[in-house]
Protein backbone atom coordinates (compact mmCIF):
# COMPACT_ATOMS: atom_id res chain seq x y z
CA MET A 1 0.04 0.00 -0.09
CA THR A 2 1.45 3.41 -1.01
CA VAL A 3 1.63 5.88 1.87
CA THR A 4 0.38 9.21 0.74
CA ALA A 5 -0.77 10.79 4.06
CA GLY A 6 1.49 13.39 5.13
CA PRO A 7 3.71 14.79 6.47
CA ILE A 8 5.57 11.51 6.65
CA ASP A 9 8.07 11.04 9.65
CA VAL A 10 11.17 9.67 7.92
CA GLY A 11 12.91 8.77 11.14
CA GLU A 12 9.93 6.87 12.37
CA LEU A 13 9.40 5.26 9.01
CA ILE A 14 13.07 3.94 8.69
CA ASP A 15 13.35 2.92 12.45
CA GLY A 16 10.22 0.86 12.26
CA GLY A 17 11.02 -0.84 8.97
CA ARG A 18 13.08 -3.76 8.17
CA TRP A 19 16.76 -3.86 7.01
CA SER A 20 16.13 -4.39 3.31
CA GLY A 21 18.36 -5.63 0.73
CA TYR A 22 18.85 -2.22 -0.71
CA GLN A 23 19.85 -0.78 2.68
CA ARG A 24 22.35 -3.67 3.10
CA TRP A 25 23.76 -2.65 -0.45
CA LEU A 26 24.06 1.16 0.69
CA VAL A 27 26.00 -0.08 3.66
CA PHE A 28 28.29 -2.13 1.75
CA LEU A 29 28.93 0.90 -0.75
CA THR A 30 29.72 3.04 2.26
CA ALA A 31 31.78 0.56 3.84
CA LEU A 32 33.81 0.22 0.70
CA THR A 33 34.77 3.66 0.76
CA ILE A 34 36.46 3.10 4.20
CA VAL A 35 38.47 0.06 2.81
CA PHE A 36 40.08 2.56 0.70
CA ASP A 37 40.63 4.87 3.42
CA GLY A 38 42.12 1.84 5.46
CA ILE A 39 44.41 1.20 2.65
CA ASP A 40 45.77 4.62 2.18
CA ASN A 41 46.11 4.91 5.93
CA GLN A 42 48.37 1.96 6.22
CA LEU A 43 50.56 2.75 3.05
CA MET A 44 53.08 4.84 4.77
CA GLY A 45 53.55 2.59 7.76
CA VAL A 46 54.24 -0.52 5.36
CA THR A 47 56.63 1.59 3.31
CA ILE A 48 58.73 3.49 5.67
CA PRO A 49 61.31 0.61 6.01
CA THR A 50 61.72 0.41 2.35
CA ILE A 51 61.96 4.19 1.91
CA MET A 52 64.42 4.34 4.61
CA ARG A 53 66.75 2.00 2.78
CA GLU A 54 66.26 3.44 -0.49
CA TRP A 55 66.74 7.06 0.66
CA SER A 56 69.40 6.18 3.27
CA VAL A 57 67.34 8.24 5.79
CA ALA A 58 66.88 7.46 9.71
CA ARG A 59 63.73 6.33 11.04
CA GLY A 60 63.23 9.61 13.25
CA ALA A 61 63.02 11.62 9.93
CA PHE A 62 59.74 10.17 9.28
CA ALA A 63 58.26 11.38 12.57
CA PRO A 64 57.00 14.67 10.94
CA VAL A 65 55.59 12.56 7.85
CA VAL A 66 53.56 10.59 10.11
CA SER A 67 52.45 13.28 12.31
CA LEU A 68 51.52 15.80 9.68
CA GLY A 69 49.51 13.12 7.79
CA TYR A 70 47.37 12.70 10.91
CA LEU A 71 47.18 16.61 11.50
CA GLY A 72 45.52 16.48 8.14
CA MET A 73 43.26 13.84 9.35
CA VAL A 74 42.31 16.02 12.37
CA THR A 75 41.56 19.11 10.15
CA GLY A 76 39.69 17.20 7.50
CA GLY A 77 37.56 15.31 10.04
CA ALA A 78 36.47 18.56 11.71
CA LEU A 79 35.73 20.41 8.31
CA ALA A 80 34.11 17.42 6.63
CA GLY A 81 31.92 16.85 9.78
CA LEU A 82 30.58 20.29 9.58
CA LEU A 83 30.12 20.11 5.88
CA GLY A 84 28.52 16.88 6.08
CA ASP A 85 25.80 18.31 8.33
CA ARG A 86 25.22 21.27 6.10
CA ILE A 87 25.69 20.35 2.46
CA GLY A 88 25.34 16.60 2.66
CA ARG A 89 27.00 13.36 3.94
CA ARG A 90 27.23 11.89 0.39
CA VAL A 91 28.77 14.84 -1.48
CA THR A 92 31.28 15.40 1.24
CA LEU A 93 32.31 11.63 1.33
CA ILE A 94 32.94 11.51 -2.37
CA ALA A 95 34.75 14.76 -2.25
CA SER A 96 36.83 13.20 0.47
CA MET A 97 37.77 10.13 -1.52
CA ILE A 98 38.97 12.36 -4.44
CA VAL A 99 41.10 14.37 -2.02
CA PHE A 100 42.89 11.41 -0.53
CA GLY A 101 42.86 9.45 -3.81
CA GLY A 102 44.63 12.23 -5.70
CA MET A 103 47.32 13.06 -2.88
CA THR A 104 48.15 9.69 -2.52
CA LEU A 105 48.54 9.21 -6.17
CA ALA A 106 50.86 12.27 -6.04
CA VAL A 107 53.01 10.43 -3.32
CA ALA A 108 54.39 8.12 -6.12
CA GLY A 109 56.26 10.92 -7.63
CA ALA A 110 57.71 12.34 -4.30
CA GLY A 111 61.53 12.80 -4.18
CA SER A 112 62.09 13.94 -0.66
CA VAL A 113 60.78 13.48 3.00
CA ALA A 114 59.67 17.09 2.82
CA ALA A 115 57.46 16.39 0.02
CA LEU A 116 56.26 13.25 1.39
CA ALA A 117 55.24 15.19 4.66
CA VAL A 118 53.23 17.91 2.72
CA LEU A 119 51.44 15.23 0.47
CA ARG A 120 50.59 13.15 3.56
CA PHE A 121 49.19 16.20 5.20
CA LEU A 122 46.93 17.07 2.03
CA ALA A 123 45.87 13.23 1.82
CA GLY A 124 45.06 13.45 5.55
CA LEU A 125 42.44 15.95 4.78
CA GLY A 126 40.45 13.43 2.69
CA LEU A 127 41.17 10.39 4.88
CA GLY A 128 39.79 12.39 7.78
CA GLY A 129 36.86 13.57 6.20
CA ALA A 130 35.58 10.39 4.78
CA VAL A 131 35.26 8.56 8.24
CA PRO A 132 32.60 10.84 9.96
CA ASN A 133 30.19 11.09 6.90
CA ALA A 134 30.46 7.38 6.05
CA ALA A 135 29.52 6.66 9.77
CA ALA A 136 26.65 9.19 9.50
CA LEU A 137 25.51 7.72 6.20
CA ALA A 138 25.53 4.19 7.53
CA ALA A 139 23.71 5.02 10.65
CA GLU A 140 20.97 6.92 8.87
CA TYR A 141 20.36 4.28 6.06
CA VAL A 142 19.23 1.72 8.35
CA PRO A 143 16.67 1.22 11.21
CA LYS A 144 17.67 2.17 14.90
CA ALA A 145 18.06 -1.39 16.04
CA GLN A 146 20.54 -2.18 13.22
CA ARG A 147 22.46 1.15 13.73
CA PRO A 148 25.46 -0.09 15.72
CA MET A 149 26.13 -2.98 13.46
CA ALA A 150 25.84 -0.96 10.18
CA VAL A 151 28.24 1.67 11.62
CA THR A 152 30.59 -1.05 12.83
CA ILE A 153 30.46 -2.82 9.50
CA THR A 154 31.67 0.48 7.92
CA ILE A 155 34.31 1.51 10.23
CA VAL A 156 35.71 -2.05 10.53
CA CYS A 157 36.83 -1.54 6.80
CA VAL A 158 39.71 0.79 8.22
CA PRO A 159 41.58 -2.25 9.65
CA LEU A 160 40.45 -4.41 6.67
CA GLY A 161 41.98 -1.87 4.53
CA ALA A 162 45.01 -1.77 6.35
CA THR A 163 45.16 -5.44 6.17
CA LEU A 164 44.79 -5.52 2.46
CA ALA A 165 47.77 -2.88 2.15
CA GLY A 166 49.78 -5.33 4.32
CA LEU A 167 49.13 -8.30 2.08
CA ALA A 168 49.79 -6.26 -1.15
CA ALA A 169 53.13 -5.02 0.38
CA ILE A 170 54.55 -8.62 0.77
CA PRO A 171 54.75 -9.30 -2.93
CA ALA A 172 54.57 -5.61 -4.21
CA LEU A 173 57.47 -3.96 -2.48
CA PRO A 174 60.30 -6.23 -3.60
CA ASP A 175 58.76 -6.62 -7.16
CA PHE A 176 57.37 -3.31 -7.84
CA GLY A 177 58.60 -0.79 -5.15
CA TRP A 178 56.99 1.67 -2.79
CA ARG A 179 55.89 4.06 -5.63
CA ALA A 180 53.76 1.35 -7.43
CA MET A 181 51.81 0.81 -4.16
CA PHE A 182 51.08 4.40 -3.73
CA PHE A 183 50.03 4.84 -7.47
CA ALA A 184 47.54 2.05 -7.25
CA GLY A 185 46.39 3.19 -3.63
CA GLY A 186 45.34 6.58 -5.12
CA LEU A 187 44.21 5.53 -8.46
CA ILE A 188 41.58 2.97 -7.33
CA PRO A 189 39.55 5.22 -4.81
CA LEU A 190 39.43 7.89 -7.65
CA VAL A 191 37.78 5.47 -9.86
CA ALA A 192 35.41 4.16 -7.16
CA ALA A 193 34.38 7.83 -6.42
CA ALA A 194 33.49 8.19 -9.95
CA ALA A 195 31.22 5.34 -9.81
CA LEU A 196 29.66 6.49 -6.37
CA VAL A 197 28.53 9.57 -7.89
CA ARG A 198 25.88 7.48 -9.63
CA LEU A 199 25.42 4.64 -7.09
CA LEU A 200 25.13 6.19 -3.61
CA PRO A 201 22.13 8.37 -2.45
CA GLU A 202 22.01 11.12 0.07
CA SER A 203 21.00 10.33 3.60
CA PRO A 204 17.35 10.17 3.90
CA ARG A 205 17.23 12.02 6.98
CA PHE A 206 19.26 14.70 5.48
CA LEU A 207 17.02 14.96 2.53
CA ALA A 208 13.98 15.40 4.85
CA ARG A 209 15.36 18.74 5.97
CA ASP A 210 14.77 20.14 2.29
CA PRO A 211 11.43 20.14 0.79
CA ARG A 212 12.76 20.95 -2.57
CA ARG A 213 14.41 17.16 -2.65
CA ARG A 214 11.25 15.54 -1.66
CA GLY A 215 11.02 13.50 -4.95
CA GLN A 216 14.65 12.42 -4.59
CA LEU A 217 13.80 11.15 -0.90
CA ALA A 218 10.59 9.41 -2.01
CA ALA A 219 12.66 7.60 -4.61
CA SER A 220 15.13 6.39 -1.94
CA LEU A 221 12.51 5.43 0.44
CA ARG A 222 10.61 3.42 -2.17
CA ARG A 223 13.79 1.36 -3.06
CA MET A 224 14.31 0.83 0.78
CA GLY A 225 10.90 -0.90 0.73
CA HIS A 226 8.77 2.05 1.86
CA PRO A 227 6.06 2.51 -0.67
CA VAL A 228 5.68 6.46 -0.53
CA ALA A 229 3.88 8.55 -3.02
CA GLU A 230 5.97 10.86 -5.23
CA GLU A 231 4.02 13.81 -3.92
CA ALA A 232 4.41 13.06 -0.19
CA THR A 233 5.70 15.53 2.13
CA PHE A 234 8.35 14.57 4.82
CA VAL A 235 9.40 15.61 8.37
CA ASP A 236 11.85 14.11 10.87
CA ARG A 237 9.98 14.60 14.12
CA THR A 238 12.58 12.47 15.99
CA ASP A 239 15.28 15.20 14.91
CA PRO A 240 13.75 18.61 15.26
CA ALA A 241 15.37 21.25 12.92
CA ALA A 242 18.16 23.40 14.45
CA ARG A 243 19.58 26.64 13.30
CA GLY A 244 22.61 24.64 11.83
CA ALA A 245 25.34 22.26 12.87
CA SER A 246 28.24 23.72 15.05
CA VAL A 247 30.82 22.61 17.20
CA SER A 248 29.25 24.51 20.04
CA ALA A 249 26.09 22.50 19.88
CA LEU A 250 28.52 19.47 21.07
CA PHE A 251 29.10 21.43 24.36
CA THR A 252 25.47 22.45 25.30
CA SER A 253 24.37 21.10 28.58
CA GLU A 254 22.62 18.14 26.89
CA PHE A 255 25.69 16.74 25.31
CA ARG A 256 28.82 18.40 27.19
CA ALA A 257 29.64 15.55 29.49
CA ASP A 258 29.34 12.77 26.94
CA THR A 259 31.25 14.94 24.45
CA ILE A 260 34.27 15.29 26.88
CA GLY A 261 34.08 11.51 27.53
CA LEU A 262 33.88 10.58 23.85
CA TRP A 263 36.78 13.07 22.91
CA ALA A 264 39.09 11.62 25.58
CA ALA A 265 38.34 8.00 24.62
CA PHE A 266 38.90 8.55 20.90
CA PHE A 267 42.07 10.34 21.83
CA SER A 268 43.60 7.73 23.83
CA CYS A 269 42.26 4.92 21.73
CA LEU A 270 43.44 6.28 18.52
CA LEU A 271 46.81 7.01 20.00
CA SER A 272 47.12 3.25 20.66
CA VAL A 273 45.80 2.33 17.11
CA TYR A 274 48.00 4.77 15.18
CA LEU A 275 51.16 3.92 17.27
CA ALA A 276 50.76 0.37 15.84
CA PHE A 277 49.69 1.31 12.40
CA SER A 278 52.86 3.65 11.98
CA TRP A 279 55.32 1.72 13.91
CA VAL A 280 54.67 -1.89 14.53
CA PRO A 281 56.48 -2.80 11.05
CA SER A 282 59.37 -0.69 11.99
CA MET A 283 59.70 -2.04 15.65
CA LEU A 284 59.64 -5.65 14.49
CA ALA A 285 62.23 -4.84 11.95
CA ALA A 286 64.65 -2.93 14.20
CA ALA A 287 64.43 -5.71 16.76
CA GLY A 288 65.95 -7.93 13.93
CA LEU A 289 63.17 -9.88 12.70
CA SER A 290 62.59 -10.35 8.87
CA SER A 291 60.57 -7.91 6.64
CA ALA A 292 58.07 -10.94 6.22
CA VAL A 293 57.50 -11.38 9.82
CA ALA A 294 57.18 -7.41 10.08
CA SER A 295 54.44 -7.51 7.58
CA ALA A 296 52.78 -10.59 9.01
CA GLY A 297 52.67 -9.01 12.44
CA MET A 298 51.06 -5.76 10.98
CA MET A 299 48.36 -8.05 9.18
CA ALA A 300 47.88 -9.87 12.29
CA PHE A 301 47.04 -6.93 14.17
CA ASN A 302 44.73 -5.71 11.70
CA LEU A 303 43.12 -9.08 10.96
CA GLY A 304 42.45 -9.33 14.62
CA GLY A 305 40.92 -5.99 14.53
CA VAL A 306 38.39 -7.01 11.79
CA ALA A 307 37.21 -9.86 14.09
CA GLY A 308 37.40 -7.86 17.14
CA ALA A 309 35.26 -5.10 15.77
CA LEU A 310 32.72 -7.45 14.25
CA THR A 311 32.54 -9.33 17.62
CA GLY A 312 31.97 -5.85 19.28
CA GLY A 313 29.40 -4.80 16.99
CA VAL A 314 27.37 -7.92 17.40
CA SER A 315 27.92 -7.90 21.12
CA ILE A 316 26.66 -4.17 21.96
CA THR A 317 23.47 -4.77 19.86
CA ARG A 318 22.75 -7.81 22.40
CA TRP A 319 24.23 -6.38 25.52
CA GLY A 320 24.80 -2.83 25.19
CA SER A 321 27.98 -0.72 24.69
CA ARG A 322 28.95 -0.07 28.32
CA PRO A 323 29.60 -3.57 29.52
CA VAL A 324 31.01 -4.79 26.17
CA MET A 325 33.39 -1.79 25.48
CA LEU A 326 34.64 -1.59 28.97
CA THR A 327 35.36 -5.25 29.06
CA MET A 328 37.23 -4.92 25.57
CA ALA A 329 39.32 -1.87 26.90
CA GLY A 330 40.11 -3.78 30.05
CA LEU A 331 41.37 -6.80 28.11
CA ALA A 332 43.22 -4.62 25.74
CA VAL A 333 45.25 -3.01 28.76
CA ALA A 334 46.18 -6.67 29.96
CA SER A 335 47.18 -7.66 26.35
CA ALA A 336 49.42 -4.63 25.66
CA SER A 337 51.07 -5.12 29.24
CA VAL A 338 51.94 -8.79 28.34
CA MET A 339 53.49 -7.53 25.13
CA ALA A 340 55.67 -5.04 26.92
CA PHE A 341 57.22 -7.81 28.79
CA MET A 342 57.59 -10.41 25.80
CA PRO A 343 61.01 -11.06 24.26
CA ILE A 344 60.96 -9.44 20.92
CA SER A 345 64.26 -9.92 19.18
CA ALA A 346 66.02 -11.50 16.31
CA GLY A 347 66.20 -14.94 18.20
CA SER A 348 62.39 -14.93 19.40
CA PRO A 349 60.05 -17.18 17.93
CA ALA A 350 57.69 -15.18 15.61
CA ALA A 351 54.42 -17.30 16.25
CA PRO A 352 53.73 -15.94 19.89
CA ILE A 353 54.63 -12.36 18.84
CA ILE A 354 52.23 -12.58 15.98
CA GLY A 355 49.60 -14.46 18.17
CA MET A 356 49.72 -11.41 20.72
CA LEU A 357 49.64 -9.01 17.97
CA THR A 358 46.40 -10.72 16.74
CA VAL A 359 44.76 -10.64 20.22
CA THR A 360 45.79 -7.19 21.05
CA GLY A 361 44.66 -5.85 17.50
CA ALA A 362 41.38 -7.38 18.24
CA LEU A 363 40.73 -5.64 21.45
CA ILE A 364 42.01 -2.41 20.49
CA ASN A 365 40.36 -2.16 17.22
CA GLY A 366 37.27 -3.79 18.72
CA VAL A 367 37.04 -0.82 21.13
CA GLN A 368 38.08 1.75 18.39
CA THR A 369 35.64 0.50 15.87
CA THR A 370 32.73 0.39 18.14
CA MET A 371 33.26 3.97 19.37
CA PHE A 372 31.90 5.29 15.97
CA ALA A 373 28.55 3.28 16.64
CA LEU A 374 28.51 4.86 20.19
CA ALA A 375 29.22 8.31 18.97
CA ALA A 376 26.43 8.02 16.21
CA HIS A 377 24.24 6.96 19.13
CA VAL A 378 24.95 9.86 21.30
CA TYR A 379 24.40 12.64 18.74
CA PRO A 380 21.03 13.19 17.07
CA ALA A 381 20.87 13.53 13.06
CA ARG A 382 21.10 17.22 12.88
CA ILE A 383 24.50 17.06 14.55
CA ARG A 384 25.64 13.56 13.79
CA ALA A 385 28.51 14.06 11.26
CA THR A 386 29.47 17.03 13.44
CA GLY A 387 29.59 15.09 16.68
CA VAL A 388 31.22 12.09 15.02
CA GLY A 389 33.81 14.32 13.23
CA GLY A 390 34.47 16.42 16.16
CA ALA A 391 35.30 13.27 18.40
CA VAL A 392 37.35 11.57 15.58
CA SER A 393 39.19 14.94 14.79
CA PHE A 394 40.16 15.38 18.53
CA GLY A 395 40.98 11.66 18.79
CA ARG A 396 43.35 11.95 15.81
CA THR A 397 45.34 14.49 17.69
CA GLY A 398 46.44 11.34 19.35
CA ALA A 399 47.48 10.09 15.93
CA VAL A 400 49.48 13.28 15.44
CA VAL A 401 51.30 12.64 18.74
CA SER A 402 51.89 9.14 17.85
CA GLY A 403 54.38 10.07 15.21
CA TYR A 404 56.62 11.31 17.95
CA VAL A 405 55.80 9.03 20.68
CA GLY A 406 56.35 5.99 18.53
CA ALA A 407 59.82 7.29 17.53
CA TRP A 408 60.81 8.09 21.24
CA ALA A 409 59.46 4.97 22.60
CA LEU A 410 61.35 2.58 20.07
CA ASP A 411 64.60 4.59 20.68
CA TYR A 412 64.04 4.46 24.51
CA ARG A 413 63.57 1.00 25.30
CA GLY A 414 62.03 -0.60 22.34
CA ALA A 415 59.10 -2.94 22.49
CA MET A 416 58.75 -2.53 26.37
CA SER A 417 58.34 0.97 26.28
CA PHE A 418 56.30 1.02 23.03
CA PHE A 419 53.62 -1.43 24.43
CA GLY A 420 53.84 0.36 27.72
CA VAL A 421 52.48 3.61 26.29
CA ILE A 422 49.82 1.77 24.57
CA ALA A 423 48.83 0.16 27.85
CA VAL A 424 48.73 3.43 29.67
CA ALA A 425 46.84 5.06 26.89
CA LEU A 426 44.00 2.39 27.03
CA VAL A 427 43.55 2.74 30.92
CA VAL A 428 42.63 6.44 30.01
CA CYS A 429 40.16 5.18 27.45
CA CYS A 430 38.75 2.63 29.70
CA LEU A 431 37.89 5.49 32.28
CA ALA A 432 36.50 7.81 29.62
CA LEU A 433 34.22 5.24 28.30
CA ALA A 434 33.04 4.70 31.76
CA SER A 435 32.13 8.32 32.12
CA ILE A 436 29.60 8.56 29.23
CA ALA A 437 26.08 8.48 30.12
CA ARG A 438 24.38 7.82 26.70
CA HIS A 439 25.51 4.09 26.00
CA VAL A 440 24.06 2.09 23.27
CA PRO A 441 21.36 0.11 25.23
CA GLY A 442 21.30 -3.52 24.71
CA ARG A 443 18.46 -5.40 23.05
CA ASN A 444 16.69 -6.18 26.36
CA SER A 445 17.55 -2.82 28.07
CA GLY A 446 15.30 0.01 28.11
CA SER A 447 17.99 2.74 28.32
CA GLY A 448 21.53 3.48 27.53
């Protein structure tokens, strides 16, 4: 039966409906953008040892390259979050892909560490902008009950993409060199962005704000399985109109405490994640382990992250985010502490090291990925991209710091100080998560 009575509440219509095949397809497309984000995120980390040898440059010279890349992500996340709430999630996401694809492609022609640093900063603008808008789109394509899983499936593609980059590095670096990896890593997302212009629709809840786009909204809703008439009018009563998205809205009395908790959790957790992304291959290589073991260790960390994130997404849907995330964060502290006291040297067997990296990656990435679902739950649609973007951008200042902290820790006491820093950061993350009031409720819970 076609729904014609109006105005139709878009939020209520989607939240009360089923998760259709078309909505799953949209989540898949959104997640695909983050696969490319994860690949481009990891490329610098897996290629640093090769570039060091080719250019005869010390490891410490790459600290500004790593940190400027993450500074770009901080800036890009904040700006693109605001743009996503003001001009649309879809257009901002695709523009972000074009930026990080183009700048990654340009890295293939870089001839100095300084050029790498500038290009990685510019690529970071796009990498930072993609994630909050992808998270907002995934959250708003699906019913509320499936929102945590949809966001988790999307964001888990960061470690999945990083894993693919690590897998590609094993044969590609010796045979084709690091420049070929950046060439492919830039070209593929540019091609994908062109395809998504036709395939990816705007968020229905964003479209509901603009009466001029009601025909576009009606077409999207029909494809999702909601038979609305072309002439229908729409509102979103679950998300009343605001004057406009702004960072100050995150610090009103309604959201202030949860915003502070989220920002602290993102900062400390992303410090841990990007310490691993940027420095684990270099740490293992510096300890005397082979390049194959170094690549395998990074892949193990990321593959564990994929498994941990998916497990976390399923678990918070059933039991809620508070018990699940606090448990994962506490176990991550223990796992990183174990690694701080493990023997990691040329004579150490590789299997226990790779095994513990898998466990640690599962726990850290499980916390980090499900934090996006938590942030999407904390903020309503009118400020969702701004809220997620603000949390991620502040969190990525931890990634900026990781460029210098990682180099210092490895030069100080190697693996012991490296994993010790990760453990301390995760303690802070656990405390910050505990302070948040609006956790995602479990299936049988009535509140967060």
